[in-house]
Protein backbone atom coordinates (compact mmCIF):
# COMPACT_ATOMS: atom_id res chain seq x y z
CA UNK A 1 7.36 4.76 29.52
CA UNK A 2 6.39 1.07 30.21
CA UNK A 3 2.40 0.68 30.17
CA UNK A 4 0.17 -0.74 33.00
CA UNK A 5 -0.82 -4.18 33.02
CA UNK A 6 -4.53 -3.33 32.54
CA UNK A 7 -3.74 -0.69 29.60
CA UNK A 8 -1.99 -3.97 27.79
CA UNK A 9 -4.79 -6.37 28.32
CA UNK A 10 -6.91 -3.55 26.63
CA UNK A 11 -5.14 -3.25 23.88
CA UNK A 12 -4.72 -7.02 23.45
CA UNK A 13 -8.74 -7.43 23.94
CA UNK A 14 -9.54 -4.86 21.17
CA UNK A 15 -6.82 -6.59 18.81
CA UNK A 16 -9.05 -10.01 19.43
CA UNK A 17 -12.10 -8.36 18.56
CA UNK A 18 -10.73 -6.27 15.83
CA UNK A 19 -9.21 -9.67 14.50
CA UNK A 20 -12.49 -11.72 15.12
CA UNK A 21 -14.41 -8.92 13.49
CA UNK A 22 -12.63 -9.25 10.29
CA UNK A 23 -12.16 -12.90 10.18
CA UNK A 24 -15.20 -14.21 10.88
CA UNK A 25 -16.85 -12.83 7.33
CA UNK A 26 -13.52 -14.06 5.76
CA UNK A 27 -14.02 -17.69 7.19
CA UNK A 28 -17.53 -18.03 6.31
CA UNK A 29 -16.86 -16.64 2.82
CA UNK A 30 -13.84 -19.17 2.59
CA UNK A 31 -16.23 -21.77 3.87
CA UNK A 32 -18.78 -20.85 1.58
CA UNK A 33 -16.53 -21.20 -1.65
CA UNK A 34 -15.29 -24.34 -0.27
CA UNK A 35 -18.82 -25.90 -0.36
CA UNK A 36 -19.24 -24.96 -4.06
CA UNK A 37 -16.99 -27.67 -4.72
CA UNK A 38 -17.78 -29.89 -1.89
CA UNK A 39 -21.46 -29.90 -2.85
CA UNK A 40 -20.12 -30.88 -6.34
CA UNK A 41 -18.28 -33.90 -4.81
CA UNK A 42 -21.73 -35.00 -2.89
CA UNK A 43 -23.68 -34.86 -6.14
CA UNK A 44 -21.15 -36.57 -7.98
CA UNK A 45 -20.40 -38.86 -5.25
CA UNK A 46 -24.46 -40.24 -5.87
CA UNK A 47 -23.06 -41.48 -9.19
CA UNK A 48 -20.70 -44.01 -8.17
CA UNK A 49 -17.29 -44.24 -7.03
CA UNK A 50 -15.92 -44.08 -10.53
CA UNK A 51 -17.72 -40.94 -11.11
CA UNK A 52 -16.20 -39.74 -7.76
CA UNK A 53 -12.43 -40.78 -8.61
CA UNK A 54 -12.95 -38.87 -12.21
CA UNK A 55 -13.95 -36.02 -10.31
CA UNK A 56 -11.18 -35.45 -7.69
CA UNK A 57 -8.62 -35.96 -10.85
CA UNK A 58 -10.69 -33.40 -12.62
CA UNK A 59 -11.26 -30.61 -9.27
CA UNK A 60 -7.41 -31.12 -8.31
CA UNK A 61 -6.22 -29.83 -11.83
CA UNK A 62 -8.79 -27.19 -11.98
CA UNK A 63 -8.01 -26.56 -8.22
CA UNK A 64 -4.10 -26.43 -8.99
CA UNK A 65 -4.63 -23.30 -11.43
CA UNK A 66 -6.72 -21.65 -9.25
CA UNK A 67 -4.76 -21.57 -6.16
CA UNK A 68 -1.52 -20.20 -8.34
CA UNK A 69 -3.79 -17.20 -9.50
CA UNK A 70 -5.29 -16.78 -5.93
CA UNK A 71 -1.57 -16.27 -4.61
CA UNK A 72 -1.03 -13.71 -7.43
CA UNK A 73 -3.90 -11.55 -6.99
CA UNK A 74 -3.57 -12.05 -3.18
CA UNK A 75 -0.86 -9.45 -3.28
CA UNK A 76 -3.74 -6.85 -3.60
CA UNK A 77 -4.65 -6.90 0.14
CA UNK A 78 -0.97 -6.59 1.97
CA UNK A 79 -0.29 -3.56 -0.85
CA UNK A 80 -3.71 -2.12 0.17
CA UNK A 81 -2.88 -2.49 3.84
CA UNK A 82 -0.20 -0.72 3.85
CA UNK A 83 -1.18 2.14 2.27
CA UNK A 84 -4.29 2.37 4.33
CA UNK A 85 -1.95 1.95 7.21
CA UNK A 86 0.30 4.87 5.92
CA UNK A 87 -2.87 7.02 4.45
CA UNK A 88 -5.96 5.65 5.77
CA UNK A 89 -8.00 7.74 3.16
CA UNK A 90 -5.95 6.78 0.39
CA UNK A 91 -7.93 6.29 -3.25
CA UNK A 92 -5.47 6.46 -6.19
CA UNK A 93 -3.09 3.91 -5.05
CA UNK A 94 -5.77 1.57 -3.64
CA UNK A 95 -7.46 1.77 -7.32
CA UNK A 96 -4.02 1.32 -9.20
CA UNK A 97 -3.60 -1.94 -7.06
CA UNK A 98 -6.76 -3.16 -7.74
CA UNK A 99 -7.02 -2.79 -11.27
CA UNK A 100 -3.36 -4.26 -12.13
CA UNK A 101 -4.58 -6.95 -9.75
CA UNK A 102 -7.13 -7.44 -12.32
CA UNK A 103 -4.80 -6.94 -15.46
CA UNK A 104 -2.76 -9.75 -13.91
CA UNK A 105 -5.64 -12.02 -13.62
CA UNK A 106 -6.05 -11.54 -17.56
CA UNK A 107 -2.69 -12.12 -18.24
CA UNK A 108 -2.64 -15.24 -16.23
CA UNK A 109 -5.55 -17.24 -17.41
CA UNK A 110 -4.96 -17.30 -21.09
CA UNK A 111 -2.05 -20.24 -20.31
CA UNK A 112 -4.18 -21.88 -17.81
CA UNK A 113 -6.80 -22.32 -20.21
CA UNK A 114 -4.47 -23.67 -22.87
CA UNK A 115 -3.31 -26.16 -20.12
CA UNK A 116 -6.41 -27.51 -18.84
CA UNK A 117 -8.02 -27.84 -22.36
CA UNK A 118 -5.34 -30.81 -22.82
CA UNK A 119 -6.23 -32.27 -19.57
CA UNK A 120 -6.72 -35.84 -20.66
CA UNK A 121 -3.35 -35.97 -21.98
CA UNK A 122 -1.78 -34.85 -18.79
CA UNK A 123 -3.63 -37.04 -16.56
CA UNK A 124 -2.48 -39.80 -18.89
CA UNK A 125 0.85 -38.76 -18.61
CA UNK A 126 1.00 -38.59 -14.89
CA UNK A 127 -0.05 -42.48 -15.05
CA UNK A 128 -4.11 -42.11 -14.48
CA UNK A 129 -6.18 -44.76 -15.81
CA UNK A 130 -7.12 -43.54 -19.55
CA UNK A 131 -10.83 -44.29 -18.61
CA UNK A 132 -10.88 -41.90 -15.57
CA UNK A 133 -8.97 -39.36 -17.65
CA UNK A 134 -10.99 -39.11 -20.22
CA UNK A 135 -14.28 -38.40 -17.68
CA UNK A 136 -12.00 -35.92 -15.91
CA UNK A 137 -11.51 -33.86 -19.39
CA UNK A 138 -15.17 -33.97 -19.76
CA UNK A 139 -15.52 -31.75 -16.47
CA UNK A 140 -12.17 -29.67 -16.96
CA UNK A 141 -13.47 -28.47 -20.21
CA UNK A 142 -16.54 -26.59 -18.81
CA UNK A 143 -15.02 -26.10 -15.48
CA UNK A 144 -12.25 -24.08 -16.53
CA UNK A 145 -13.90 -21.19 -17.80
CA UNK A 146 -14.73 -20.42 -14.30
CA UNK A 147 -10.91 -19.61 -13.51
CA UNK A 148 -11.31 -15.87 -14.96
CA UNK A 149 -14.42 -14.92 -13.21
CA UNK A 150 -12.72 -16.71 -10.27
CA UNK A 151 -9.86 -14.36 -10.36
CA UNK A 152 -11.56 -11.16 -10.52
CA UNK A 153 -13.71 -12.01 -7.75
CA UNK A 154 -10.86 -12.93 -5.82
CA UNK A 155 -9.36 -9.13 -6.23
CA UNK A 156 -12.37 -7.65 -5.06
CA UNK A 157 -12.78 -9.74 -2.23
CA UNK A 158 -9.03 -8.64 -1.34
CA UNK A 159 -10.31 -4.98 -1.78
CA UNK A 160 -13.01 -5.24 0.66
CA UNK A 161 -11.02 -7.58 3.29
CA UNK A 162 -8.01 -4.81 3.14
CA UNK A 163 -10.72 -2.05 3.66
CA UNK A 164 -11.94 -4.28 6.83
CA UNK A 165 -15.72 -4.22 4.83
CA UNK A 166 -15.69 -8.16 4.28
CA UNK A 167 -19.55 -8.42 4.61
CA UNK A 168 -20.73 -8.24 1.29
CA UNK A 169 -18.07 -11.13 0.31
CA UNK A 170 -19.74 -13.39 2.57
CA UNK A 171 -23.28 -12.24 1.46
CA UNK A 172 -22.57 -13.06 -2.26
CA UNK A 173 -20.55 -16.22 -1.62
CA UNK A 174 -23.38 -17.61 0.45
CA UNK A 175 -25.71 -16.98 -2.34
CA UNK A 176 -23.46 -18.58 -4.58
CA UNK A 177 -23.78 -21.88 -2.40
CA UNK A 178 -27.26 -21.83 -2.95
CA UNK A 179 -27.33 -21.16 -6.60
CA UNK A 180 -24.46 -23.63 -7.22
CA UNK A 181 -26.60 -26.55 -5.46
CA UNK A 182 -29.84 -25.67 -7.34
CA UNK A 183 -28.10 -25.28 -10.77
CA UNK A 184 -25.69 -28.29 -10.44
CA UNK A 185 -28.36 -30.43 -9.52
CA UNK A 186 -30.50 -29.69 -12.38
CA UNK A 187 -27.69 -30.25 -14.67
CA UNK A 188 -25.93 -33.13 -13.40
CA UNK A 189 -29.38 -35.07 -12.85
CA UNK A 190 -31.49 -33.37 -15.23
CA UNK A 191 -34.91 -32.20 -14.60
CA UNK A 192 -37.42 -34.49 -16.79
CA UNK A 193 -40.58 -32.09 -16.06
CA UNK A 194 -39.07 -29.44 -18.36
CA UNK A 195 -37.42 -31.76 -20.55
CA UNK A 196 -33.78 -31.04 -19.28
CA UNK A 197 -31.51 -33.92 -19.49
CA UNK A 198 -29.03 -34.71 -17.00
CA UNK A 199 -25.32 -34.18 -18.29
CA UNK A 200 -23.05 -36.00 -15.41
CA UNK A 201 -19.73 -34.87 -15.22
CA UNK A 202 -20.10 -31.90 -17.70
CA UNK A 203 -23.17 -30.55 -15.96
CA UNK A 204 -21.08 -30.06 -12.92
CA UNK A 205 -18.73 -27.88 -14.93
CA UNK A 206 -21.18 -25.99 -16.62
CA UNK A 207 -23.05 -25.35 -13.49
CA UNK A 208 -19.97 -24.19 -11.38
CA UNK A 209 -18.79 -21.51 -14.11
CA UNK A 210 -22.32 -20.37 -14.14
CA UNK A 211 -22.28 -19.86 -10.38
CA UNK A 212 -18.52 -18.11 -10.45
CA UNK A 213 -19.28 -16.01 -13.03
CA UNK A 214 -22.68 -14.51 -11.33
CA UNK A 215 -20.65 -14.19 -8.20
CA UNK A 216 -18.12 -11.97 -9.93
CA UNK A 217 -20.93 -9.93 -11.42
CA UNK A 218 -22.85 -9.51 -8.24
CA UNK A 219 -20.08 -8.27 -6.26
CA UNK A 220 -18.60 -5.97 -9.04
CA UNK A 221 -22.35 -4.52 -9.17
CA UNK A 222 -22.34 -3.91 -5.33
CA UNK A 223 -18.89 -2.36 -5.09
CA UNK A 224 -19.73 0.03 -8.43
CA UNK A 225 -22.95 1.20 -6.45
CA UNK A 226 -22.02 0.97 -2.64
CA UNK A 227 -21.54 4.54 -1.50
CA UNK A 228 -18.40 3.19 0.59
CA UNK A 229 -16.68 1.98 -2.50
CA UNK A 230 -17.59 3.79 -5.24
CA UNK A 231 -15.55 6.70 -4.70
CA UNK A 232 -12.66 4.38 -5.84
CA UNK A 233 -13.74 4.24 -9.25
CA UNK A 234 -12.39 0.84 -9.65
CA UNK A 235 -13.55 0.28 -13.08
CA UNK A 236 -13.41 3.43 -14.80
CA UNK A 237 -10.54 3.78 -17.42
CA UNK A 238 -9.67 0.01 -16.65
CA UNK A 239 -7.91 -0.26 -20.25
CA UNK A 240 -5.08 2.09 -19.14
CA UNK A 241 -1.74 0.48 -18.27
CA UNK A 242 0.04 1.05 -15.17
CA UNK A 243 3.36 -1.01 -15.75
CA UNK A 244 4.77 0.18 -12.49
CA UNK A 245 2.20 -1.20 -10.52
CA UNK A 246 1.87 -4.06 -12.30
CA UNK A 247 5.22 -5.12 -11.72
CA UNK A 248 4.88 -4.56 -7.91
CA UNK A 249 1.82 -6.57 -7.97
CA UNK A 250 3.68 -9.78 -10.08
CA UNK A 251 6.75 -9.25 -7.71
CA UNK A 252 4.92 -9.48 -4.32
CA UNK A 253 2.21 -12.06 -5.79
CA UNK A 254 4.20 -14.50 -7.43
CA UNK A 255 6.07 -15.75 -4.49
CA UNK A 256 2.84 -15.90 -2.75
CA UNK A 257 1.43 -18.03 -5.86
CA UNK A 258 4.67 -20.17 -5.47
CA UNK A 259 3.72 -20.82 -1.66
CA UNK A 260 0.38 -22.00 -1.91
CA UNK A 261 0.64 -23.85 -4.89
CA UNK A 262 4.01 -25.74 -4.00
CA UNK A 263 1.19 -26.64 -0.63
CA UNK A 264 -1.58 -27.32 -2.65
CA UNK A 265 0.33 -29.15 -5.50
CA UNK A 266 1.91 -31.75 -2.90
CA UNK A 267 -2.03 -32.05 -2.08
CA UNK A 268 -2.56 -32.64 -5.64
CA UNK A 269 0.30 -35.16 -5.88
CA UNK A 270 -1.19 -37.06 -3.49
CA UNK A 271 -4.27 -37.65 -5.47
CA UNK A 272 -2.69 -38.72 -8.47
CA UNK A 273 -0.26 -41.10 -6.16
CA UNK A 274 -3.89 -42.41 -4.71
CA UNK A 275 -4.74 -43.24 -8.56
CA UNK A 276 -1.83 -45.36 -8.49
CA UNK A 277 -2.87 -47.40 -5.69
CA UNK A 278 -6.64 -47.85 -6.65
CA UNK A 279 -9.78 -46.40 -7.05
CA UNK A 280 -11.06 -46.82 -3.93
CA UNK A 281 -7.91 -45.03 -2.39
CA UNK A 282 -8.40 -42.03 -4.47
CA UNK A 283 -12.38 -41.79 -3.68
CA UNK A 284 -11.44 -42.11 0.03
CA UNK A 285 -8.91 -39.52 -0.53
CA UNK A 286 -11.23 -37.13 -2.08
CA UNK A 287 -14.05 -37.53 0.98
CA UNK A 288 -11.19 -37.04 3.49
CA UNK A 289 -9.35 -34.05 1.65
CA UNK A 290 -12.78 -32.17 1.61
CA UNK A 291 -13.48 -32.32 5.58
CA UNK A 292 -9.89 -31.54 6.06
CA UNK A 293 -10.08 -28.65 3.61
CA UNK A 294 -13.60 -27.34 5.42
CA UNK A 295 -11.86 -27.14 8.47
CA UNK A 296 -8.87 -25.06 7.02
CA UNK A 297 -10.90 -22.52 6.02
CA UNK A 298 -11.07 -21.18 9.22
CA UNK A 299 -7.11 -20.58 9.53
CA UNK A 300 -7.18 -19.45 6.17
CA UNK A 301 -9.85 -16.82 6.86
CA UNK A 302 -7.82 -15.95 10.25
CA UNK A 303 -4.53 -15.53 7.95
CA UNK A 304 -6.31 -13.39 5.33
CA UNK A 305 -6.90 -11.18 8.44
CA UNK A 306 -3.81 -11.48 9.69
CA UNK A 307 -2.22 -10.17 6.73
CA UNK A 308 -4.53 -7.21 6.68
CA UNK A 309 -4.14 -6.28 10.32
CA UNK A 310 -0.60 -6.73 10.47
CA UNK A 311 -0.10 -4.74 7.06
CA UNK A 312 -1.73 -1.76 8.52
CA UNK A 313 0.47 -2.06 11.66
CA UNK A 314 3.41 -2.43 9.16
CA UNK A 315 2.16 0.54 7.16
CA UNK A 316 2.04 2.57 10.36
CA UNK A 317 5.41 1.44 11.32
CA UNK A 318 4.36 0.16 14.55
CA UNK A 319 6.26 -2.57 15.66
CA UNK A 320 3.70 -3.30 18.89
CA UNK A 321 1.07 -3.67 16.73
CA UNK A 322 2.71 -5.99 14.16
CA UNK A 323 3.51 -8.40 17.30
CA UNK A 324 -0.06 -8.09 18.88
CA UNK A 325 -1.91 -8.36 15.27
CA UNK A 326 0.11 -11.47 14.05
CA UNK A 327 -0.09 -13.61 17.56
CA UNK A 328 -3.41 -12.58 18.00
CA UNK A 329 -4.25 -14.78 14.69
CA UNK A 330 -2.40 -17.51 15.49
CA UNK A 331 -3.26 -18.44 18.81
CA UNK A 332 -7.17 -18.03 17.48
CA UNK A 333 -6.28 -20.37 14.36
CA UNK A 334 -4.12 -22.86 16.46
CA UNK A 335 -6.94 -23.34 19.11
CA UNK A 336 -9.67 -24.19 16.58
CA UNK A 337 -7.41 -26.44 15.01
CA UNK A 338 -7.20 -28.25 18.15
CA UNK A 339 -10.75 -28.37 18.61
CA UNK A 340 -11.14 -30.13 14.87
CA UNK A 341 -8.21 -32.64 15.52
CA UNK A 342 -10.53 -33.69 18.44
CA UNK A 343 -13.66 -34.19 16.22
CA UNK A 344 -11.97 -36.10 13.48
CA UNK A 345 -10.48 -38.40 16.35
CA UNK A 346 -14.32 -38.70 17.79
CA UNK A 347 -16.36 -39.21 14.79
CA UNK A 348 -14.68 -40.35 11.66
CA UNK A 349 -17.30 -42.68 10.38
CA UNK A 350 -19.80 -39.87 10.45
CA UNK A 351 -17.79 -37.42 9.20
CA UNK A 352 -16.83 -39.71 6.05
CA UNK A 353 -20.91 -40.55 5.78
CA UNK A 354 -21.60 -37.23 4.81
CA UNK A 355 -19.90 -37.58 1.42
CA UNK A 356 -20.65 -40.96 0.63
CA UNK A 357 -23.48 -43.24 1.29
CA UNK A 358 -21.96 -45.38 4.45
CA UNK A 359 -25.23 -47.80 3.91
CA UNK A 360 -24.02 -48.98 0.55
CA UNK A 361 -22.10 -52.13 0.87
CA UNK A 362 -20.17 -50.98 -2.39
CA UNK A 363 -18.40 -48.20 -0.66
CA UNK A 364 -17.43 -50.01 2.38
CA UNK A 365 -13.83 -49.74 1.45
CA UNK A 366 -13.73 -46.49 0.47
CA UNK A 367 -15.47 -45.52 3.98
CA UNK A 368 -12.89 -47.62 5.54
CA UNK A 369 -10.27 -45.91 3.76
CA UNK A 370 -11.28 -42.41 4.43
CA UNK A 371 -11.50 -43.36 8.14
CA UNK A 372 -8.11 -43.91 8.50
CA UNK A 373 -6.83 -41.09 6.50
CA UNK A 374 -8.65 -38.85 8.65
CA UNK A 375 -7.16 -39.96 11.50
CA UNK A 376 -3.60 -38.78 10.22
CA UNK A 377 -5.40 -35.75 9.21
CA UNK A 378 -6.41 -35.00 12.65
CA UNK A 379 -2.60 -35.22 13.75
CA UNK A 380 -1.49 -32.42 11.15
CA UNK A 381 -4.71 -29.88 11.75
CA UNK A 382 -2.54 -27.65 14.28
CA UNK A 383 0.53 -27.76 12.02
CA UNK A 384 -2.08 -26.56 8.92
CA UNK A 385 -3.34 -24.09 11.08
CA UNK A 386 0.28 -22.90 12.29
CA UNK A 387 1.56 -22.75 8.60
CA UNK A 388 -1.41 -21.01 7.19
CA UNK A 389 -1.64 -18.16 9.83
CA UNK A 390 2.22 -18.11 10.02
CA UNK A 391 2.50 -17.33 6.34
CA UNK A 392 -0.15 -14.71 6.39
CA UNK A 393 1.64 -12.61 9.04
CA UNK A 394 4.53 -12.47 7.17
CA UNK A 395 2.76 -11.39 3.85
CA UNK A 396 1.42 -8.49 6.04
CA UNK A 397 5.38 -7.80 6.32
CA UNK A 398 5.71 -7.93 2.39
CA UNK A 399 7.86 -11.12 3.04
CA UNK A 400 6.82 -13.57 0.57
CA UNK A 401 9.95 -14.70 -1.25
CA UNK A 402 11.67 -16.86 1.81
CA UNK A 403 8.22 -18.24 2.95
CA UNK A 404 7.80 -19.65 -0.72
CA UNK A 405 11.63 -21.34 -0.27
CA UNK A 406 10.48 -22.79 3.03
CA UNK A 407 7.30 -24.18 1.45
CA UNK A 408 9.44 -25.94 -1.43
CA UNK A 409 11.61 -27.49 1.48
CA UNK A 410 9.07 -28.54 3.59
CA UNK A 411 6.14 -29.89 1.15
CA UNK A 412 8.42 -31.52 -1.31
CA UNK A 413 11.46 -32.60 0.14
CA UNK A 414 9.85 -33.58 3.64
CA UNK A 415 6.38 -34.10 2.77
CA UNK A 416 6.63 -35.79 -0.71
CA UNK A 417 9.79 -37.89 0.55
CA UNK A 418 8.34 -39.20 3.45
CA UNK A 419 4.96 -39.86 1.44
CA UNK A 420 7.13 -42.10 -0.87
CA UNK A 421 9.24 -43.72 1.07
CA UNK A 422 6.08 -44.87 3.44
CA UNK A 423 3.60 -45.22 1.00
CA UNK A 424 5.60 -47.23 -1.83
CA UNK A 425 8.59 -48.19 -0.13
CA UNK A 426 7.07 -49.39 2.96
CA UNK A 427 3.67 -50.32 1.47
CA UNK A 428 1.88 -48.22 3.97
CA UNK A 429 -0.28 -47.40 0.64
CA UNK A 430 -3.01 -44.19 1.41
CA UNK A 431 -1.97 -44.17 4.89
CA UNK A 432 1.72 -43.51 4.27
CA UNK A 433 1.35 -40.78 1.92
CA UNK A 434 -1.27 -38.84 4.16
CA UNK A 435 1.67 -39.35 6.86
CA UNK A 436 4.00 -37.62 4.57
CA UNK A 437 1.53 -34.56 4.00
CA UNK A 438 1.77 -34.51 7.97
CA UNK A 439 5.09 -34.16 7.70
CA UNK A 440 5.32 -31.75 5.24
CA UNK A 441 3.04 -29.15 7.19
CA UNK A 442 4.53 -29.55 10.41
CA UNK A 443 8.29 -28.65 8.71
CA UNK A 444 6.82 -25.74 6.84
CA UNK A 445 5.07 -24.19 10.32
CA UNK A 446 8.07 -24.77 12.35
CA UNK A 447 9.80 -22.51 9.46
CA UNK A 448 7.28 -20.01 9.41
CA UNK A 449 7.18 -19.53 13.03
CA UNK A 450 10.79 -19.16 13.77
CA UNK A 451 11.28 -16.49 11.11
CA UNK A 452 8.14 -14.28 12.35
CA UNK A 453 9.89 -14.85 15.84
CA UNK A 454 13.14 -13.19 14.30
CA UNK A 455 11.37 -10.58 12.17
CA UNK A 456 12.91 -7.64 14.09
CA UNK A 457 16.50 -9.10 13.78
CA UNK A 458 15.76 -9.86 10.23
CA UNK A 459 14.80 -6.27 9.76
CA UNK A 460 11.86 -7.72 8.44
CA UNK A 461 9.83 -5.04 10.46
CA UNK A 462 10.67 -1.94 12.74
CA UNK A 463 12.31 -3.00 15.98
CA UNK A 464 10.47 -2.07 19.04
CA UNK A 465 11.92 0.53 21.31
CA UNK A 466 13.35 -0.43 24.67
CA UNK A 467 10.66 0.02 27.36
């Protein structure tokens, strides 16, 4: 029997409310996490363009590993969400998923540490200036130890998000921003009053590792003590293997990791291409990408909310709920990114000045380049939001392999192909590289949206009954 328009509108309003209540702590938590690295960039920017360029190389190597691990442990969110959709009071299966996501983090971080320890050789192999590579390594060799606590923290974040209780993640992440700013300021510049010397780049790595470790330990303590979460006994008998659930985490998580890594990888590749153009282009890219990354935190949070909301409906076998949950997050994300595009067009100089001193004549070329890059970034805001939420909606359906193929085609064939052609073939330099990034995001967003629209025909979701 068809429902009245008033009833349907009521369901949509309820979904918007539920999505916003889940998404806003996720968005603010993502923003807080991004602010930790942004704070490091702002602090290191005071040491000059060369230091900022070295930091860009170091942070991008670290983030490349971080994003892959984040993708793998993100499998916990749709797995827990669909299980709770089937049985809202599930405990054992939720605990199994969380534990094996943590096991996965430990397994994954070992080769990553080996890779990052040799960052100088890797950067030189990629054609970067040896002096910048050496400086970058001095940061990476301390920052790399933040990876394991970061992965474990992300597992707990996914657990809280799937339970639709992300508030504690926000509180802890907000505290981490403050701690990171205080600790890194002290370690980068020193505190002469207490005899603490400034360590420069290495200080930023030490401070961030301390901050992330405290972040994980604090959230773990809260979860183990809060009566709403301690019934799951997440840390009890942690050593017991569960090979079947571990395989499920990797089967679902590896394509997510691949998708995110392909996306972040193309942006990291852009950093190295900027390094081939010049130090000013590299520093300007780091400024512009920080602004674009902060903007991206909103659709990223909405994508996480979409995974959970769609996952719950998927677990219930509710095709109407699946559609309503997905489209709600999509419209909210695209609307926000449209507003951000207008902001980037309207005030690029002011935005760039947040990250580097615009009054210093030595930074004039960096500011000018950053402004030109932000002009292109404004063009791809809507596509960036659409691809992020599109991927999140499909993850809620446990559909991760084909989206990874979309990412490979869109980012590396369309995006990188366009960047190399325009940036070096037609001599557009940095603007050409950013135009390539925009083209890649557009291609992926269209492919994700088409697959979501065809989800029932492709049997990714149960079909709606005829009215």
